[in-house]
N, C-alpha and C. Protein backbone atom coordinates (compact mmCIF):
# COMPACT_ATOMS: atom_id res chain seq x y z
N GLN A 1 -61.53 25.18 -75.51
CA GLN A 1 -61.39 24.57 -74.19
C GLN A 1 -61.35 25.67 -73.14
N VAL A 2 -62.20 25.55 -72.13
CA VAL A 2 -62.25 26.51 -71.04
C VAL A 2 -61.40 26.00 -69.89
N GLN A 3 -60.61 26.88 -69.33
CA GLN A 3 -59.85 26.52 -68.13
C GLN A 3 -60.41 27.27 -66.93
N LEU A 4 -60.62 26.52 -65.87
CA LEU A 4 -61.09 27.08 -64.61
C LEU A 4 -60.04 26.75 -63.56
N VAL A 5 -59.50 27.78 -62.93
CA VAL A 5 -58.40 27.59 -61.98
C VAL A 5 -58.80 28.14 -60.62
N GLU A 6 -58.95 27.21 -59.67
CA GLU A 6 -59.32 27.60 -58.32
C GLU A 6 -58.09 27.92 -57.49
N SER A 7 -58.29 28.77 -56.50
CA SER A 7 -57.23 29.07 -55.53
C SER A 7 -57.87 29.52 -54.23
N GLY A 8 -57.07 29.57 -53.18
CA GLY A 8 -57.55 30.10 -51.91
C GLY A 8 -57.82 29.07 -50.84
N GLY A 9 -57.70 27.79 -51.17
CA GLY A 9 -57.93 26.78 -50.16
C GLY A 9 -56.80 26.73 -49.16
N GLY A 10 -56.99 25.91 -48.13
CA GLY A 10 -55.94 25.76 -47.13
C GLY A 10 -56.49 25.17 -45.85
N LEU A 11 -55.66 25.23 -44.82
CA LEU A 11 -56.03 24.74 -43.50
C LEU A 11 -56.45 25.93 -42.65
N VAL A 12 -57.61 25.80 -42.03
CA VAL A 12 -58.13 26.89 -41.22
C VAL A 12 -58.82 26.32 -39.99
N GLN A 13 -58.80 27.06 -38.91
CA GLN A 13 -59.45 26.61 -37.69
C GLN A 13 -60.95 26.81 -37.76
N PRO A 14 -61.71 26.02 -37.06
CA PRO A 14 -63.17 26.23 -37.02
C PRO A 14 -63.51 27.66 -36.59
N GLY A 15 -64.52 28.21 -37.24
CA GLY A 15 -64.95 29.57 -36.94
C GLY A 15 -64.28 30.64 -37.77
N ARG A 16 -63.20 30.27 -38.46
CA ARG A 16 -62.49 31.25 -39.28
C ARG A 16 -63.08 31.32 -40.68
N SER A 17 -62.46 32.14 -41.53
CA SER A 17 -62.98 32.37 -42.87
C SER A 17 -61.95 32.06 -43.94
N LEU A 18 -62.45 31.79 -45.13
CA LEU A 18 -61.62 31.63 -46.32
C LEU A 18 -62.36 32.22 -47.51
N ARG A 19 -61.61 32.70 -48.47
CA ARG A 19 -62.21 33.13 -49.73
C ARG A 19 -61.55 32.35 -50.86
N LEU A 20 -62.38 31.62 -51.58
CA LEU A 20 -61.91 30.89 -52.75
C LEU A 20 -62.13 31.72 -54.00
N SER A 21 -61.24 31.54 -54.95
CA SER A 21 -61.36 32.23 -56.24
C SER A 21 -61.30 31.22 -57.36
N CYS A 22 -61.98 31.53 -58.44
CA CYS A 22 -61.94 30.69 -59.63
C CYS A 22 -61.80 31.60 -60.84
N ALA A 23 -60.66 31.53 -61.48
CA ALA A 23 -60.40 32.34 -62.66
C ALA A 23 -60.72 31.53 -63.91
N ALA A 24 -61.51 32.11 -64.80
CA ALA A 24 -61.95 31.40 -66.00
C ALA A 24 -61.32 32.01 -67.24
N SER A 25 -60.85 31.13 -68.11
CA SER A 25 -60.32 31.59 -69.40
C SER A 25 -61.45 31.56 -70.41
N LEU A 26 -62.32 32.54 -70.32
CA LEU A 26 -63.56 32.51 -71.09
C LEU A 26 -63.96 33.92 -71.45
N ASN A 27 -63.98 34.22 -72.74
CA ASN A 27 -64.29 35.57 -73.18
C ASN A 27 -65.73 35.97 -72.92
N ILE A 28 -66.64 35.02 -72.95
CA ILE A 28 -68.05 35.34 -72.75
C ILE A 28 -68.50 34.84 -71.37
N PHE A 29 -67.64 35.04 -70.41
CA PHE A 29 -67.86 34.57 -69.04
C PHE A 29 -69.19 35.05 -68.49
N SER A 30 -69.55 36.27 -68.79
CA SER A 30 -70.69 36.90 -68.12
C SER A 30 -72.03 36.25 -68.43
N ILE A 31 -72.11 35.46 -69.48
CA ILE A 31 -73.42 34.88 -69.83
C ILE A 31 -73.66 33.55 -69.13
N PHE A 32 -72.62 33.00 -68.50
CA PHE A 32 -72.76 31.67 -67.91
C PHE A 32 -73.02 31.73 -66.41
N THR A 33 -73.92 30.88 -65.98
CA THR A 33 -74.04 30.62 -64.55
C THR A 33 -72.83 29.81 -64.10
N MET A 34 -72.25 30.22 -62.99
CA MET A 34 -71.09 29.53 -62.43
C MET A 34 -71.45 28.92 -61.08
N GLY A 35 -70.82 27.82 -60.77
CA GLY A 35 -71.13 27.14 -59.52
C GLY A 35 -69.89 26.72 -58.76
N TRP A 36 -70.06 26.62 -57.46
CA TRP A 36 -69.07 26.00 -56.58
C TRP A 36 -69.68 24.71 -56.04
N TYR A 37 -68.89 23.66 -56.09
CA TYR A 37 -69.27 22.37 -55.58
C TYR A 37 -68.18 21.89 -54.64
N ARG A 38 -68.49 20.88 -53.84
CA ARG A 38 -67.46 20.31 -52.97
C ARG A 38 -67.66 18.81 -52.86
N GLN A 39 -66.55 18.15 -52.56
CA GLN A 39 -66.58 16.71 -52.40
C GLN A 39 -65.68 16.33 -51.23
N ALA A 40 -66.30 15.76 -50.21
CA ALA A 40 -65.55 15.27 -49.07
C ALA A 40 -65.22 13.80 -49.30
N PRO A 41 -64.18 13.29 -48.64
CA PRO A 41 -63.81 11.88 -48.84
C PRO A 41 -64.97 10.95 -48.57
N GLY A 42 -65.22 10.05 -49.52
CA GLY A 42 -66.29 9.08 -49.36
C GLY A 42 -67.68 9.59 -49.69
N ASN A 43 -67.76 10.87 -50.05
CA ASN A 43 -69.06 11.46 -50.35
C ASN A 43 -69.20 11.82 -51.82
N GLU A 44 -70.44 12.00 -52.25
CA GLU A 44 -70.70 12.50 -53.59
C GLU A 44 -70.36 13.99 -53.67
N ARG A 45 -70.05 14.42 -54.88
CA ARG A 45 -69.86 15.85 -55.08
C ARG A 45 -71.21 16.54 -54.90
N GLU A 46 -71.21 17.65 -54.17
CA GLU A 46 -72.47 18.34 -53.89
C GLU A 46 -72.36 19.82 -54.21
N LEU A 47 -73.52 20.38 -54.53
CA LEU A 47 -73.59 21.80 -54.82
C LEU A 47 -73.40 22.62 -53.55
N VAL A 48 -72.61 23.68 -53.67
CA VAL A 48 -72.48 24.65 -52.58
C VAL A 48 -73.29 25.91 -52.92
N ALA A 49 -73.01 26.46 -54.10
CA ALA A 49 -73.69 27.70 -54.50
C ALA A 49 -73.54 27.90 -55.99
N THR A 50 -74.50 28.62 -56.56
CA THR A 50 -74.41 29.03 -57.96
C THR A 50 -74.72 30.51 -58.07
N ILE A 51 -74.25 31.11 -59.14
CA ILE A 51 -74.53 32.51 -59.39
C ILE A 51 -74.72 32.71 -60.89
N THR A 52 -75.81 33.39 -61.26
CA THR A 52 -76.07 33.64 -62.67
C THR A 52 -75.18 34.77 -63.17
N GLY A 53 -75.20 34.97 -64.47
CA GLY A 53 -74.42 36.05 -65.05
C GLY A 53 -74.83 37.41 -64.50
N GLY A 54 -76.10 37.53 -64.13
CA GLY A 54 -76.61 38.79 -63.59
C GLY A 54 -76.44 38.94 -62.09
N GLY A 55 -75.92 37.88 -61.45
CA GLY A 55 -75.60 37.99 -60.04
C GLY A 55 -76.61 37.36 -59.09
N SER A 56 -77.59 36.65 -59.59
CA SER A 56 -78.54 35.98 -58.71
C SER A 56 -77.91 34.71 -58.16
N ALA A 57 -77.95 34.57 -56.83
CA ALA A 57 -77.25 33.48 -56.16
C ALA A 57 -78.23 32.46 -55.59
N ASN A 58 -77.74 31.25 -55.50
CA ASN A 58 -78.50 30.15 -54.91
C ASN A 58 -77.54 29.36 -54.03
N TYR A 59 -78.00 28.94 -52.85
CA TYR A 59 -77.12 28.27 -51.89
C TYR A 59 -77.71 26.96 -51.41
N ALA A 60 -76.82 26.03 -51.11
CA ALA A 60 -77.23 24.82 -50.42
C ALA A 60 -77.65 25.18 -49.00
N ASP A 61 -78.61 24.44 -48.47
CA ASP A 61 -79.10 24.72 -47.13
C ASP A 61 -77.98 24.63 -46.09
N SER A 62 -77.04 23.75 -46.33
CA SER A 62 -75.97 23.52 -45.35
C SER A 62 -75.03 24.70 -45.19
N VAL A 63 -75.04 25.62 -46.15
CA VAL A 63 -74.10 26.75 -46.09
C VAL A 63 -74.80 28.10 -46.03
N LYS A 64 -76.12 28.12 -46.13
CA LYS A 64 -76.84 29.39 -46.12
C LYS A 64 -76.53 30.20 -44.88
N GLY A 65 -76.26 31.48 -45.09
CA GLY A 65 -75.94 32.36 -43.99
C GLY A 65 -74.47 32.41 -43.64
N ARG A 66 -73.70 31.45 -44.16
CA ARG A 66 -72.26 31.42 -43.87
C ARG A 66 -71.40 31.66 -45.11
N VAL A 67 -72.01 31.50 -46.27
CA VAL A 67 -71.26 31.52 -47.52
C VAL A 67 -71.87 32.56 -48.47
N THR A 68 -71.02 33.25 -49.18
CA THR A 68 -71.46 34.20 -50.19
C THR A 68 -70.71 33.95 -51.48
N ILE A 69 -71.47 33.74 -52.55
CA ILE A 69 -70.87 33.59 -53.87
C ILE A 69 -70.99 34.94 -54.59
N SER A 70 -69.95 35.29 -55.31
CA SER A 70 -69.96 36.54 -56.06
C SER A 70 -69.12 36.37 -57.31
N ARG A 71 -69.20 37.33 -58.19
CA ARG A 71 -68.42 37.24 -59.42
C ARG A 71 -68.03 38.63 -59.88
N ASP A 72 -66.92 38.66 -60.59
CA ASP A 72 -66.45 39.88 -61.24
C ASP A 72 -66.33 39.54 -62.71
N ASN A 73 -67.31 39.93 -63.49
CA ASN A 73 -67.32 39.55 -64.90
C ASN A 73 -66.16 40.17 -65.67
N ALA A 74 -65.72 41.34 -65.27
CA ALA A 74 -64.59 41.98 -65.94
C ALA A 74 -63.31 41.18 -65.74
N LYS A 75 -63.20 40.55 -64.60
CA LYS A 75 -62.01 39.73 -64.29
C LYS A 75 -62.25 38.26 -64.59
N THR A 76 -63.41 37.93 -65.11
CA THR A 76 -63.81 36.53 -65.38
C THR A 76 -63.47 35.63 -64.20
N THR A 77 -63.88 36.06 -63.02
CA THR A 77 -63.56 35.35 -61.79
C THR A 77 -64.81 35.23 -60.94
N VAL A 78 -64.97 34.08 -60.32
CA VAL A 78 -66.05 33.86 -59.37
C VAL A 78 -65.43 33.55 -58.01
N TYR A 79 -66.06 34.02 -56.96
CA TYR A 79 -65.53 33.90 -55.61
C TYR A 79 -66.50 33.14 -54.71
N LEU A 80 -65.94 32.57 -53.66
CA LEU A 80 -66.75 31.94 -52.63
C LEU A 80 -66.18 32.37 -51.29
N GLN A 81 -66.89 33.26 -50.62
CA GLN A 81 -66.51 33.71 -49.28
C GLN A 81 -67.17 32.78 -48.26
N MET A 82 -66.36 32.13 -47.48
CA MET A 82 -66.88 31.18 -46.49
C MET A 82 -66.52 31.66 -45.10
N ASN A 83 -67.51 31.86 -44.28
CA ASN A 83 -67.33 32.33 -42.90
C ASN A 83 -67.80 31.26 -41.92
N SER A 84 -67.40 31.42 -40.68
CA SER A 84 -67.82 30.49 -39.62
C SER A 84 -67.63 29.05 -40.06
N LEU A 85 -66.46 28.76 -40.57
CA LEU A 85 -66.22 27.43 -41.11
C LEU A 85 -66.31 26.35 -40.03
N LYS A 86 -66.79 25.19 -40.46
CA LYS A 86 -66.97 24.04 -39.58
C LYS A 86 -66.14 22.88 -40.09
N PRO A 87 -65.80 21.95 -39.23
CA PRO A 87 -65.05 20.77 -39.70
C PRO A 87 -65.76 20.05 -40.85
N GLU A 88 -67.06 20.06 -40.85
CA GLU A 88 -67.80 19.38 -41.92
C GLU A 88 -67.74 20.11 -43.25
N ASP A 89 -67.15 21.29 -43.27
CA ASP A 89 -66.90 21.98 -44.53
C ASP A 89 -65.63 21.47 -45.22
N THR A 90 -64.90 20.62 -44.54
CA THR A 90 -63.67 20.07 -45.13
C THR A 90 -64.01 19.28 -46.39
N ALA A 91 -63.37 19.64 -47.49
CA ALA A 91 -63.65 19.01 -48.78
C ALA A 91 -62.73 19.61 -49.83
N VAL A 92 -62.75 19.01 -50.99
CA VAL A 92 -62.16 19.65 -52.16
C VAL A 92 -63.27 20.47 -52.82
N TYR A 93 -62.98 21.72 -53.07
CA TYR A 93 -63.96 22.64 -53.65
C TYR A 93 -63.66 22.84 -55.13
N TYR A 94 -64.69 22.69 -55.93
CA TYR A 94 -64.56 22.77 -57.38
C TYR A 94 -65.40 23.90 -57.96
N CYS A 95 -64.85 24.54 -58.94
CA CYS A 95 -65.56 25.54 -59.72
C CYS A 95 -66.10 24.86 -60.98
N HIS A 96 -67.29 25.26 -61.39
CA HIS A 96 -67.93 24.62 -62.54
C HIS A 96 -68.68 25.65 -63.37
N GLN A 97 -68.52 25.54 -64.65
CA GLN A 97 -69.30 26.35 -65.57
C GLN A 97 -70.57 25.56 -65.86
N GLU A 98 -71.70 26.04 -65.37
CA GLU A 98 -72.94 25.28 -65.42
C GLU A 98 -73.34 24.95 -66.86
N ARG A 99 -73.91 23.77 -66.99
CA ARG A 99 -74.42 23.28 -68.29
C ARG A 99 -73.32 23.12 -69.33
N THR A 100 -72.11 22.91 -68.85
CA THR A 100 -70.98 22.59 -69.73
C THR A 100 -70.18 21.50 -69.02
N PRO A 101 -69.26 20.87 -69.73
CA PRO A 101 -68.46 19.84 -69.09
C PRO A 101 -67.24 20.37 -68.34
N PHE A 102 -67.14 21.68 -68.17
CA PHE A 102 -65.91 22.25 -67.66
C PHE A 102 -65.91 22.40 -66.14
N TRP A 103 -64.87 21.83 -65.55
CA TRP A 103 -64.63 21.89 -64.11
C TRP A 103 -63.19 22.33 -63.85
N GLY A 104 -62.99 22.96 -62.70
CA GLY A 104 -61.64 23.24 -62.28
C GLY A 104 -61.01 22.00 -61.67
N GLN A 105 -59.74 22.14 -61.28
CA GLN A 105 -59.02 21.00 -60.73
C GLN A 105 -59.29 20.81 -59.24
N GLY A 106 -59.89 21.80 -58.62
CA GLY A 106 -60.23 21.70 -57.21
C GLY A 106 -59.20 22.34 -56.30
N THR A 107 -59.68 22.82 -55.16
CA THR A 107 -58.79 23.36 -54.14
C THR A 107 -59.23 22.78 -52.80
N GLN A 108 -58.26 22.30 -52.03
CA GLN A 108 -58.56 21.61 -50.78
C GLN A 108 -58.80 22.61 -49.65
N VAL A 109 -59.88 22.40 -48.93
CA VAL A 109 -60.18 23.17 -47.73
C VAL A 109 -60.24 22.20 -46.56
N ASN A 110 -59.42 22.47 -45.56
CA ASN A 110 -59.41 21.67 -44.35
C ASN A 110 -59.73 22.56 -43.17
N VAL A 111 -60.77 22.18 -42.44
CA VAL A 111 -61.18 22.93 -41.26
C VAL A 111 -60.92 22.05 -40.04
N SER A 112 -59.93 22.45 -39.27
CA SER A 112 -59.51 21.59 -38.16
C SER A 112 -58.75 22.41 -37.14
N THR A 113 -58.79 21.92 -35.89
CA THR A 113 -57.98 22.53 -34.85
C THR A 113 -56.57 21.98 -34.91
């Protein structure tokens, strides 16, 4: 059983930044593509970004230029740096090990004045 534990969410004003972290209990972390997803109230869960084991990143159009996904394979951790946050970024953010059933419990991000 893989555990994915997100942290770093919170309340932030528009235009500010947050960095989310996802720590994985996975010995072979480096071979898996990892993803960040988000779900706002009343909406479907949607992809934010993914990163391969080698560091190739892919972003949703809605966050391109504002968000950077990265990973530290030695620490089995994946990060999501979010800048210039907007109210529409408000959601629960989830970490996911791609092509497996494993998800984190989510971390709430609220962007509001």
